[in-house]
Protein backbone atom coordinates (compact mmCIF):
# COMPACT_ATOMS: atom_id res chain seq x y z
CA UNK A 1 0.01 -0.01 0.03
CA UNK A 2 1.34 3.44 -1.00
CA UNK A 3 -0.35 6.18 1.00
CA UNK A 4 0.82 9.76 0.94
CA UNK A 5 -0.76 12.97 2.04
CA UNK A 6 0.05 15.62 -0.50
CA UNK A 7 -1.59 18.92 0.65
CA UNK A 8 -3.72 20.57 3.24
CA UNK A 9 -6.15 23.28 2.03
CA UNK A 10 -8.30 24.59 4.87
CA UNK A 11 -11.80 25.72 3.93
CA UNK A 12 -12.90 28.61 6.15
CA UNK A 13 -16.61 29.17 6.77
CA UNK A 14 -17.27 32.89 6.47
CA UNK A 15 -20.38 35.07 7.19
CA UNK A 16 -19.63 37.85 4.71
CA UNK A 17 -17.71 36.68 1.67
CA UNK A 18 -16.89 40.11 0.27
CA UNK A 19 -15.61 41.34 3.64
CA UNK A 20 -13.38 38.24 3.91
CA UNK A 21 -12.10 38.54 0.34
CA UNK A 22 -11.28 42.18 0.96
CA UNK A 23 -9.37 41.33 4.21
CA UNK A 24 -7.33 38.45 2.71
CA UNK A 25 -6.61 40.06 -0.71
CA UNK A 26 -6.29 43.75 0.18
CA UNK A 27 -4.72 43.60 3.63
CA UNK A 28 -2.83 40.23 3.55
CA UNK A 29 -1.98 40.21 -0.12
CA UNK A 30 -3.56 36.88 -1.19
CA UNK A 31 -4.94 36.49 -4.70
CA UNK A 32 -8.29 34.94 -5.58
CA UNK A 33 -7.31 32.20 -8.10
CA UNK A 34 -10.73 30.54 -8.40
CA UNK A 35 -14.30 31.42 -7.44
CA UNK A 36 -17.84 30.07 -7.81
CA UNK A 37 -19.50 31.86 -9.38
CA UNK A 38 -16.76 33.64 -11.24
CA UNK A 39 -18.78 36.89 -11.51
CA UNK A 40 -20.17 38.83 -8.60
CA UNK A 41 -19.78 37.83 -4.97
CA UNK A 42 -18.83 34.12 -4.83
CA UNK A 43 -20.10 31.53 -2.39
CA UNK A 44 -16.69 29.80 -2.62
CA UNK A 45 -13.23 30.98 -3.44
CA UNK A 46 -9.63 29.67 -3.47
CA UNK A 47 -6.90 32.11 -2.35
CA UNK A 48 -3.16 31.83 -2.72
CA UNK A 49 0.06 33.65 -1.73
CA UNK A 50 3.60 32.42 -1.78
CA UNK A 51 2.67 28.77 -2.07
CA UNK A 52 0.00 28.92 0.69
CA UNK A 53 -3.52 28.25 -0.43
CA UNK A 54 -6.87 27.93 1.33
CA UNK A 55 -10.58 28.29 0.67
CA UNK A 56 -13.32 30.60 1.83
CA UNK A 57 -16.95 29.39 1.69
CA UNK A 58 -20.16 31.05 2.73
CA UNK A 59 -22.12 29.57 5.58
CA UNK A 60 -25.17 28.93 3.38
CA UNK A 61 -23.07 27.13 0.79
CA UNK A 62 -21.35 24.82 3.32
CA UNK A 63 -24.64 24.08 5.03
CA UNK A 64 -26.17 22.79 1.77
CA UNK A 65 -23.60 19.97 1.82
CA UNK A 66 -23.04 19.68 5.56
CA UNK A 67 -26.13 20.80 7.45
CA UNK A 68 -24.42 20.92 10.84
CA UNK A 69 -22.51 23.95 9.67
CA UNK A 70 -25.70 26.05 9.75
CA UNK A 71 -25.41 26.18 13.53
CA UNK A 72 -21.65 26.20 14.03
CA UNK A 73 -19.63 29.30 14.97
CA UNK A 74 -17.21 30.56 12.43
CA UNK A 75 -13.65 31.29 13.71
CA UNK A 76 -13.13 30.67 17.33
CA UNK A 77 -10.82 27.92 18.51
CA UNK A 78 -8.86 27.54 15.35
CA UNK A 79 -5.45 29.24 14.95
CA UNK A 80 -3.38 29.36 11.72
CA UNK A 81 0.40 29.57 12.17
CA UNK A 82 2.29 31.06 9.17
CA UNK A 83 6.05 30.59 9.07
CA UNK A 84 7.49 33.36 6.99
CA UNK A 85 10.35 35.71 6.22
CA UNK A 86 10.14 39.46 6.82
CA UNK A 87 7.67 39.36 9.71
CA UNK A 88 8.43 42.96 10.96
CA UNK A 89 7.89 44.44 7.43
CA UNK A 90 4.64 42.30 7.13
CA UNK A 91 3.46 43.58 10.52
CA UNK A 92 4.01 47.23 9.46
CA UNK A 93 2.08 46.50 6.26
CA UNK A 94 -0.96 44.89 7.74
CA UNK A 95 -1.06 47.33 10.67
CA UNK A 96 -0.96 50.25 8.21
CA UNK A 97 -3.77 48.63 6.22
CA UNK A 98 -6.05 48.56 9.12
CA UNK A 99 -5.75 44.98 10.39
CA UNK A 100 -6.65 44.78 14.02
CA UNK A 101 -3.67 43.48 15.97
CA UNK A 102 -4.57 40.65 18.34
CA UNK A 103 -1.04 40.31 19.74
CA UNK A 104 1.80 42.72 19.20
CA UNK A 105 5.13 41.43 17.84
CA UNK A 106 7.07 39.56 20.42
CA UNK A 107 9.81 36.90 20.72
CA UNK A 108 8.52 33.63 22.09
CA UNK A 109 10.21 31.24 24.43
CA UNK A 110 10.97 29.04 21.44
CA UNK A 111 12.82 31.89 19.70
CA UNK A 112 10.32 32.89 17.06
CA UNK A 113 9.36 36.54 16.48
CA UNK A 114 5.65 36.63 15.84
CA UNK A 115 2.36 38.69 15.94
CA UNK A 116 -1.26 37.73 15.67
CA UNK A 117 -4.37 39.21 14.01
CA UNK A 118 -7.98 38.11 13.73
CA UNK A 119 -9.84 37.88 10.48
CA UNK A 120 -13.42 39.13 10.07
CA UNK A 121 -14.84 35.81 11.29
CA UNK A 122 -12.60 35.49 14.33
CA UNK A 123 -9.98 33.09 12.96
CA UNK A 124 -6.65 33.86 14.61
CA UNK A 125 -3.71 34.24 12.21
CA UNK A 126 -0.23 34.11 13.70
CA UNK A 127 2.69 35.18 11.48
CA UNK A 128 6.14 34.01 12.76
CA UNK A 129 9.75 34.19 11.72
CA UNK A 130 12.53 32.14 13.22
CA UNK A 131 15.22 34.43 14.89
C-alpha cells in the first residue's frame, strides 16, 4: 500500500464573503485564483500567496452539503500559524492597512518573532519568523 498525504487546504466558513475577500486580498496580499460563481460575490473562493492556499466558503453554501455547519460558529478555537520571512515588514504593512492587531510582535520562548491578528470571522492568524 502506498499512502501519501500531499496537501492541506483549509476551507474557512465565512459570514460575509466580500468582507473576507477584501481582508485576505487587500490587507494580507492573497490572490483569488478561483471562485464560484466567477462573476459577482462568490459563495466559494480559493486564495493563494507564496505557495500557501486555502478556501473561503459562505455559511449557506457549506450548510447545503454539511447541514451541521448552519449552527456552528465561524472562527473561534482555530489558529493558523504562518512561518514566513520578513515578519516585521509584514506587521507594518498589515497594521498600516487597518488589520486589528490581536497580539503585538514579540519573541517567544521558542525563539520565534511573531504577531497575531484576527480575520473578520474570528480566525486567529499568527505570523512568525525564526530568529
